[in-house]
């Protein structure tokens, strides 16, 4: 039964490389990691893509956009999902904010939004370290992205709203928040943990990109979820 890792916007499956989850499937979503993007992109498209390409019952581990996708998979394909880890994410997006981000990257390109994005994702300590591997990977990956793909993903995320449907999710769910997360506050993860039928909240030290700045702590939390699901 595969553990499937679903990455944040703009990154790819390599963002999990510092975690100790042997045998997990580090999945590249459409428009990421070199995969082509369809002409139109929705959260439903992303969820259906995972189910179409990975067989068997799924334990989904998603962070940020990946967590949103995981929730959509559970709602659209409940028979395929065994459990969920939703990290640094939310059940309802700020539609206007994410649409503004899409418009911004279309105007100024990836280089124009890079610094703001990294400040939202990492702690100042990590950003000040010129040799930080997670920051270096994220910077290089974002600069290699196409602005139109990044914008399309923001627009897909802007339509994300499953808050009132969380009660339909019956499988075990661990919602993981970062104490220093500037993008997804703890209360957003608490709402997920309390909204599903079988949820719990875990709060870890670290920022939005826990898998890149606190991979050992996130690995421990995911392993605990898998052992107790």
C-alpha atoms as a PDB file:
ATOM      1  CA  UNK A   1       0.000   0.000   0.000  1.00  0.00           C
ATOM      2  CA  UNK A   2       1.932   3.033  -1.215  1.00  0.00           C
ATOM      3  CA  UNK A   3       2.682   6.134   0.775  1.00  0.00           C
ATOM      4  CA  UNK A   4       2.379   8.979  -1.744  1.00  0.00           C
ATOM      5  CA  UNK A   5       4.109  12.301  -1.106  1.00  0.00           C
ATOM      6  CA  UNK A   6       2.426  15.371  -2.627  1.00  0.00           C
ATOM      7  CA  UNK A   7       4.604  18.470  -2.944  1.00  0.00           C
ATOM      8  CA  UNK A   8       3.888  22.207  -2.565  1.00  0.00           C
ATOM      9  CA  UNK A   9       3.320  24.626  -5.423  1.00  0.00           C
ATOM     10  CA  UNK A  10       6.360  25.242  -7.604  1.00  0.00           C
ATOM     11  CA  UNK A  11       8.379  22.313  -6.251  1.00  0.00           C
ATOM     12  CA  UNK A  12       8.507  18.642  -7.229  1.00  0.00           C
ATOM     13  CA  UNK A  13       9.031  15.196  -5.756  1.00  0.00           C
ATOM     14  CA  UNK A  14      12.654  15.975  -4.956  1.00  0.00           C
ATOM     15  CA  UNK A  15      11.535  18.234  -2.120  1.00  0.00           C
ATOM     16  CA  UNK A  16      11.160  15.101   0.045  1.00  0.00           C
ATOM     17  CA  UNK A  17      14.726  13.881  -0.450  1.00  0.00           C
ATOM     18  CA  UNK A  18      15.889  14.855   3.044  1.00  0.00           C
ATOM     19  CA  UNK A  19      13.177  12.799   4.751  1.00  0.00           C
ATOM     20  CA  UNK A  20      13.582   9.184   5.769  1.00  0.00           C
ATOM     21  CA  UNK A  21      10.512   7.688   4.128  1.00  0.00           C
ATOM     22  CA  UNK A  22      11.957   4.716   2.282  1.00  0.00           C
ATOM     23  CA  UNK A  23       9.686   3.234  -0.355  1.00  0.00           C
ATOM     24  CA  UNK A  24       7.372   6.237  -0.554  1.00  0.00           C
ATOM     25  CA  UNK A  25       6.276   7.554  -3.949  1.00  0.00           C
ATOM     26  CA  UNK A  26       7.466  11.152  -4.397  1.00  0.00           C
ATOM     27  CA  UNK A  27       4.861  12.230  -6.929  1.00  0.00           C
ATOM     28  CA  UNK A  28       5.204  15.064  -9.448  1.00  0.00           C
ATOM     29  CA  UNK A  29       1.894  16.820 -10.053  1.00  0.00           C
ATOM     30  CA  UNK A  30       0.988  18.148 -13.546  1.00  0.00           C
ATOM     31  CA  UNK A  31       2.820  21.361 -14.367  1.00  0.00           C
ATOM     32  CA  UNK A  32       5.613  20.485 -11.946  1.00  0.00           C
ATOM     33  CA  UNK A  33       8.896  18.610 -12.171  1.00  0.00           C
ATOM     34  CA  UNK A  34       8.874  18.632 -15.953  1.00  0.00           C
ATOM     35  CA  UNK A  35       5.369  17.199 -16.304  1.00  0.00           C
ATOM     36  CA  UNK A  36       3.204  19.045 -18.823  1.00  0.00           C
ATOM     37  CA  UNK A  37       0.304  21.125 -17.589  1.00  0.00           C
ATOM     38  CA  UNK A  38      -3.148  20.708 -19.135  1.00  0.00           C
ATOM     39  CA  UNK A  39      -4.745  23.762 -20.708  1.00  0.00           C
ATOM     40  CA  UNK A  40      -6.996  24.138 -17.698  1.00  0.00           C
ATOM     41  CA  UNK A  41      -5.970  23.066 -14.202  1.00  0.00           C
ATOM     42  CA  UNK A  42      -8.235  22.523 -11.205  1.00  0.00           C
ATOM     43  CA  UNK A  43      -7.871  20.875  -7.822  1.00  0.00           C
ATOM     44  CA  UNK A  44     -10.121  18.103  -9.110  1.00  0.00           C
ATOM     45  CA  UNK A  45      -7.719  17.552 -12.022  1.00  0.00           C
ATOM     46  CA  UNK A  46      -4.776  17.247  -9.633  1.00  0.00           C
ATOM     47  CA  UNK A  47      -6.614  14.806  -7.380  1.00  0.00           C
ATOM     48  CA  UNK A  48      -7.775  12.654 -10.283  1.00  0.00           C
ATOM     49  CA  UNK A  49      -4.257  12.599 -11.707  1.00  0.00           C
ATOM     50  CA  UNK A  50      -2.892  11.005  -8.522  1.00  0.00           C
ATOM     51  CA  UNK A  51      -5.572   8.331  -8.460  1.00  0.00           C
ATOM     52  CA  UNK A  52      -5.103   7.561 -12.156  1.00  0.00           C
ATOM     53  CA  UNK A  53      -1.365   7.029 -11.848  1.00  0.00           C
ATOM     54  CA  UNK A  54      -0.828   5.306  -8.491  1.00  0.00           C
ATOM     55  CA  UNK A  55      -2.572   1.995  -7.882  1.00  0.00           C
ATOM     56  CA  UNK A  56      -3.850   0.503  -4.656  1.00  0.00           C
ATOM     57  CA  UNK A  57      -5.046   1.977  -1.353  1.00  0.00           C
ATOM     58  CA  UNK A  58      -3.214   5.222  -0.667  1.00  0.00           C
ATOM     59  CA  UNK A  59      -1.658   6.806   2.390  1.00  0.00           C
ATOM     60  CA  UNK A  60      -1.316  10.404   1.232  1.00  0.00           C
ATOM     61  CA  UNK A  61       1.191  12.847   2.720  1.00  0.00           C
ATOM     62  CA  UNK A  62       0.682  16.340   1.347  1.00  0.00           C
ATOM     63  CA  UNK A  63       2.238  19.656   2.299  1.00  0.00           C
ATOM     64  CA  UNK A  64       0.781  23.050   1.387  1.00  0.00           C
ATOM     65  CA  UNK A  65      -0.740  22.595  -2.102  1.00  0.00           C
ATOM     66  CA  UNK A  66      -0.074  18.875  -1.738  1.00  0.00           C
ATOM     67  CA  UNK A  67      -2.196  18.819   1.414  1.00  0.00           C
ATOM     68  CA  UNK A  68      -5.040  20.464  -0.461  1.00  0.00           C
ATOM     69  CA  UNK A  69      -4.739  17.855  -3.201  1.00  0.00           C
ATOM     70  CA  UNK A  70      -4.790  15.082  -0.588  1.00  0.00           C
ATOM     71  CA  UNK A  71      -8.079  16.392   0.812  1.00  0.00           C
ATOM     72  CA  UNK A  72      -9.592  16.479  -2.679  1.00  0.00           C
ATOM     73  CA  UNK A  73      -8.481  12.901  -3.330  1.00  0.00           C
ATOM     74  CA  UNK A  74     -10.138  11.772  -0.091  1.00  0.00           C
ATOM     75  CA  UNK A  75     -13.384  13.524  -0.990  1.00  0.00           C
ATOM     76  CA  UNK A  76     -13.497  12.520  -4.655  1.00  0.00           C
ATOM     77  CA  UNK A  77     -12.139   8.975  -4.280  1.00  0.00           C
ATOM     78  CA  UNK A  78     -12.866   7.860  -0.710  1.00  0.00           C
ATOM     79  CA  UNK A  79     -12.513   4.188  -1.565  1.00  0.00           C
ATOM     80  CA  UNK A  80      -8.895   4.692  -2.594  1.00  0.00           C
ATOM     81  CA  UNK A  81      -7.624   6.474   0.510  1.00  0.00           C
ATOM     82  CA  UNK A  82      -6.401   4.741   3.639  1.00  0.00           C
ATOM     83  CA  UNK A  83      -5.176   7.781   5.562  1.00  0.00           C
ATOM     84  CA  UNK A  84      -4.020  11.388   5.191  1.00  0.00           C
ATOM     85  CA  UNK A  85      -1.255  13.590   6.517  1.00  0.00           C
ATOM     86  CA  UNK A  86      -2.072  17.223   5.722  1.00  0.00           C
ATOM     87  CA  UNK A  87       0.810  19.548   6.617  1.00  0.00           C
ATOM     88  CA  UNK A  88       1.090  23.338   6.473  1.00  0.00           C
ATOM     89  CA  UNK A  89      -2.111  23.620   4.489  1.00  0.00           C
ATOM     90  CA  UNK A  90      -5.754  24.629   4.846  1.00  0.00           C
ATOM     91  CA  UNK A  91      -9.262  23.529   4.003  1.00  0.00           C
ATOM     92  CA  UNK A  92     -10.217  26.890   2.504  1.00  0.00           C
ATOM     93  CA  UNK A  93      -7.970  29.140   0.441  1.00  0.00           C
ATOM     94  CA  UNK A  94      -7.910  32.913   0.460  1.00  0.00           C
ATOM     95  CA  UNK A  95      -9.199  33.246  -3.092  1.00  0.00           C
ATOM     96  CA  UNK A  96      -8.331  36.885  -3.731  1.00  0.00           C
ATOM     97  CA  UNK A  97      -4.833  36.559  -2.277  1.00  0.00           C
ATOM     98  CA  UNK A  98      -3.928  33.566  -4.426  1.00  0.00           C
ATOM     99  CA  UNK A  99      -5.354  35.141  -7.549  1.00  0.00           C
ATOM    100  CA  UNK A 100      -3.202  38.210  -6.882  1.00  0.00           C
ATOM    101  CA  UNK A 101      -0.152  35.955  -6.632  1.00  0.00           C
ATOM    102  CA  UNK A 102      -1.020  34.434 -10.010  1.00  0.00           C
ATOM    103  CA  UNK A 103      -1.310  37.897 -11.553  1.00  0.00           C
ATOM    104  CA  UNK A 104       1.936  39.016  -9.944  1.00  0.00           C
ATOM    105  CA  UNK A 105       4.050  36.168 -11.314  1.00  0.00           C
ATOM    106  CA  UNK A 106       2.588  36.742 -14.769  1.00  0.00           C
ATOM    107  CA  UNK A 107       3.728  40.380 -14.565  1.00  0.00           C
ATOM    108  CA  UNK A 108       7.207  40.008 -13.062  1.00  0.00           C
ATOM    109  CA  UNK A 109       8.221  36.386 -13.732  1.00  0.00           C
ATOM    110  CA  UNK A 110       9.684  33.820 -11.363  1.00  0.00           C
ATOM    111  CA  UNK A 111      12.689  35.952 -10.506  1.00  0.00           C
ATOM    112  CA  UNK A 112      10.380  38.771  -9.456  1.00  0.00           C
ATOM    113  CA  UNK A 113       8.506  36.674  -6.888  1.00  0.00           C
ATOM    114  CA  UNK A 114      11.412  34.524  -5.706  1.00  0.00           C
ATOM    115  CA  UNK A 115      12.521  36.445  -2.620  1.00  0.00           C
ATOM    116  CA  UNK A 116       8.997  37.024  -1.327  1.00  0.00           C
ATOM    117  CA  UNK A 117       8.173  33.347  -1.798  1.00  0.00           C
ATOM    118  CA  UNK A 118      11.271  32.155   0.045  1.00  0.00           C
ATOM    119  CA  UNK A 119      10.617  34.554   2.938  1.00  0.00           C
ATOM    120  CA  UNK A 120       7.133  33.096   3.254  1.00  0.00           C
ATOM    121  CA  UNK A 121       8.487  29.540   3.220  1.00  0.00           C
ATOM    122  CA  UNK A 122      11.609  29.586   5.425  1.00  0.00           C
ATOM    123  CA  UNK A 123      12.868  31.057   8.671  1.00  0.00           C
ATOM    124  CA  UNK A 124      15.358  33.945   8.503  1.00  0.00           C
ATOM    125  CA  UNK A 125      17.985  31.615   9.972  1.00  0.00           C
ATOM    126  CA  UNK A 126      17.691  29.215   7.044  1.00  0.00           C
ATOM    127  CA  UNK A 127      17.643  32.024   4.500  1.00  0.00           C
ATOM    128  CA  UNK A 128      20.802  33.511   5.995  1.00  0.00           C
ATOM    129  CA  UNK A 129      22.678  30.207   5.569  1.00  0.00           C
ATOM    130  CA  UNK A 130      24.271  30.223   2.086  1.00  0.00           C
ATOM    131  CA  UNK A 131      24.765  26.460   2.251  1.00  0.00           C
ATOM    132  CA  UNK A 132      21.270  25.454   3.390  1.00  0.00           C
ATOM    133  CA  UNK A 133      20.366  22.559   1.075  1.00  0.00           C
ATOM    134  CA  UNK A 134      16.605  23.008   1.308  1.00  0.00           C
ATOM    135  CA  UNK A 135      16.725  26.698   0.508  1.00  0.00           C
ATOM    136  CA  UNK A 136      19.156  26.100  -2.342  1.00  0.00           C
ATOM    137  CA  UNK A 137      16.918  23.408  -3.845  1.00  0.00           C
ATOM    138  CA  UNK A 138      13.789  25.588  -3.540  1.00  0.00           C
ATOM    139  CA  UNK A 139      15.507  28.589  -5.123  1.00  0.00           C
ATOM    140  CA  UNK A 140      16.821  26.577  -8.048  1.00  0.00           C
ATOM    141  CA  UNK A 141      13.527  24.759  -8.565  1.00  0.00           C
ATOM    142  CA  UNK A 142      11.458  27.946  -8.553  1.00  0.00           C
ATOM    143  CA  UNK A 143      13.768  29.718 -10.994  1.00  0.00           C
ATOM    144  CA  UNK A 144      13.490  26.730 -13.343  1.00  0.00           C
ATOM    145  CA  UNK A 145       9.667  26.885 -13.287  1.00  0.00           C
ATOM    146  CA  UNK A 146       7.637  28.574 -15.980  1.00  0.00           C
ATOM    147  CA  UNK A 147       5.726  31.592 -14.734  1.00  0.00           C
ATOM    148  CA  UNK A 148       2.577  30.478 -16.548  1.00  0.00           C
ATOM    149  CA  UNK A 149       2.636  27.099 -14.769  1.00  0.00           C
ATOM    150  CA  UNK A 150       3.150  28.753 -11.383  1.00  0.00           C
ATOM    151  CA  UNK A 151       0.262  31.115 -12.089  1.00  0.00           C
ATOM    152  CA  UNK A 152      -2.011  28.268 -13.177  1.00  0.00           C
ATOM    153  CA  UNK A 153      -1.312  26.419  -9.944  1.00  0.00           C
ATOM    154  CA  UNK A 154      -2.099  29.513  -7.860  1.00  0.00           C
ATOM    155  CA  UNK A 155      -5.395  29.891  -9.708  1.00  0.00           C
ATOM    156  CA  UNK A 156      -6.271  26.240  -9.121  1.00  0.00           C
ATOM    157  CA  UNK A 157      -5.493  26.623  -5.415  1.00  0.00           C
ATOM    158  CA  UNK A 158      -7.556  29.809  -5.226  1.00  0.00           C
ATOM    159  CA  UNK A 159     -10.683  27.707  -5.852  1.00  0.00           C
ATOM    160  CA  UNK A 160      -9.876  25.328  -2.985  1.00  0.00           C
ATOM    161  CA  UNK A 161     -12.689  25.217  -0.410  1.00  0.00           C
ATOM    162  CA  UNK A 162     -13.571  21.926   1.275  1.00  0.00           C
ATOM    163  CA  UNK A 163     -14.100  23.244   4.804  1.00  0.00           C
ATOM    164  CA  UNK A 164     -17.785  22.360   4.879  1.00  0.00           C
ATOM    165  CA  UNK A 165     -17.090  18.895   3.445  1.00  0.00           C
ATOM    166  CA  UNK A 166     -14.470  17.758   5.953  1.00  0.00           C
ATOM    167  CA  UNK A 167     -16.995  15.669   7.883  1.00  0.00           C
ATOM    168  CA  UNK A 168     -17.161  13.316   4.909  1.00  0.00           C
ATOM    169  CA  UNK A 169     -13.514  12.331   5.396  1.00  0.00           C
ATOM    170  CA  UNK A 170     -13.708   9.163   7.478  1.00  0.00           C
ATOM    171  CA  UNK A 171     -10.098   7.917   7.312  1.00  0.00           C
ATOM    172  CA  UNK A 172      -7.460   8.804   9.926  1.00  0.00           C
ATOM    173  CA  UNK A 173      -6.057  12.295   9.370  1.00  0.00           C
ATOM    174  CA  UNK A 174      -3.037  13.911  10.990  1.00  0.00           C
ATOM    175  CA  UNK A 175      -2.908  17.660  10.468  1.00  0.00           C
ATOM    176  CA  UNK A 176       0.608  19.038  11.008  1.00  0.00           C
ATOM    177  CA  UNK A 177       1.299  22.717  11.635  1.00  0.00           C
ATOM    178  CA  UNK A 178       4.579  24.612  11.829  1.00  0.00           C
ATOM    179  CA  UNK A 179       4.967  26.968  14.770  1.00  0.00           C
ATOM    180  CA  UNK A 180       6.720  29.546  12.586  1.00  0.00           C
ATOM    181  CA  UNK A 181       4.590  29.005   9.485  1.00  0.00           C
ATOM    182  CA  UNK A 182       3.879  32.415   7.940  1.00  0.00           C
ATOM    183  CA  UNK A 183       1.618  30.944   5.241  1.00  0.00           C
ATOM    184  CA  UNK A 184      -0.635  28.414   7.022  1.00  0.00           C
ATOM    185  CA  UNK A 185      -1.452  29.313  10.635  1.00  0.00           C
ATOM    186  CA  UNK A 186      -1.934  26.660  13.282  1.00  0.00           C
ATOM    187  CA  UNK A 187      -5.663  27.426  13.409  1.00  0.00           C
ATOM    188  CA  UNK A 188      -6.037  26.394   9.757  1.00  0.00           C
ATOM    189  CA  UNK A 189      -4.633  22.957  10.591  1.00  0.00           C
ATOM    190  CA  UNK A 190      -6.706  22.753  13.753  1.00  0.00           C
ATOM    191  CA  UNK A 191      -9.823  23.302  11.644  1.00  0.00           C
ATOM    192  CA  UNK A 192      -8.879  20.292   9.523  1.00  0.00           C
ATOM    193  CA  UNK A 193      -8.144  18.078  12.534  1.00  0.00           C
ATOM    194  CA  UNK A 194     -11.428  19.020  14.176  1.00  0.00           C
ATOM    195  CA  UNK A 195     -13.483  18.962  10.991  1.00  0.00           C
ATOM    196  CA  UNK A 196     -12.767  15.392   9.864  1.00  0.00           C
ATOM    197  CA  UNK A 197     -14.234  12.337  11.565  1.00  0.00           C
ATOM    198  CA  UNK A 198     -10.923  10.975  12.869  1.00  0.00           C
ATOM    199  CA  UNK A 199      -8.337  13.728  13.096  1.00  0.00           C
ATOM    200  CA  UNK A 200      -5.544  14.937  15.326  1.00  0.00           C
ATOM    201  CA  UNK A 201      -3.341  18.015  15.330  1.00  0.00           C
ATOM    202  CA  UNK A 202       0.455  17.936  15.641  1.00  0.00           C
ATOM    203  CA  UNK A 203       2.437  21.179  15.984  1.00  0.00           C
ATOM    204  CA  UNK A 204       6.129  21.100  15.117  1.00  0.00           C
ATOM    205  CA  UNK A 205       8.855  23.729  15.432  1.00  0.00           C
ATOM    206  CA  UNK A 206       9.542  25.156  12.001  1.00  0.00           C
ATOM    207  CA  UNK A 207       8.205  27.173   9.061  1.00  0.00           C
ATOM    208  CA  UNK A 208       5.988  26.454   6.072  1.00  0.00           C
ATOM    209  CA  UNK A 209       8.495  24.185   4.331  1.00  0.00           C
ATOM    210  CA  UNK A 210       8.896  21.693   7.164  1.00  0.00           C
ATOM    211  CA  UNK A 211      10.155  19.004   4.794  1.00  0.00           C
ATOM    212  CA  UNK A 212      13.029  21.280   3.759  1.00  0.00           C
ATOM    213  CA  UNK A 213      13.926  22.902   7.067  1.00  0.00           C
ATOM    214  CA  UNK A 214      12.837  20.325   9.674  1.00  0.00           C
ATOM    215  CA  UNK A 215      12.820  17.030   7.742  1.00  0.00           C
ATOM    216  CA  UNK A 216      13.710  14.815  10.724  1.00  0.00           C
ATOM    217  CA  UNK A 217      10.864  16.163  12.855  1.00  0.00           C
ATOM    218  CA  UNK A 218       8.389  15.864   9.991  1.00  0.00           C
ATOM    219  CA  UNK A 219       9.558  12.320   9.235  1.00  0.00           C
ATOM    220  CA  UNK A 220       8.998  11.352  12.868  1.00  0.00           C
ATOM    221  CA  UNK A 221       5.467  12.775  12.800  1.00  0.00           C
ATOM    222  CA  UNK A 222       4.616  11.008   9.538  1.00  0.00           C
ATOM    223  CA  UNK A 223       5.986   7.693  10.814  1.00  0.00           C
ATOM    224  CA  UNK A 224       3.920   8.053  13.989  1.00  0.00           C
ATOM    225  CA  UNK A 225       0.832   8.646  11.844  1.00  0.00           C
ATOM    226  CA  UNK A 226       1.522   5.593   9.692  1.00  0.00           C
ATOM    227  CA  UNK A 227       2.112   3.410  12.771  1.00  0.00           C
ATOM    228  CA  UNK A 228      -1.160   4.449  14.369  1.00  0.00           C
ATOM    229  CA  UNK A 229      -3.510   4.909  11.425  1.00  0.00           C
END
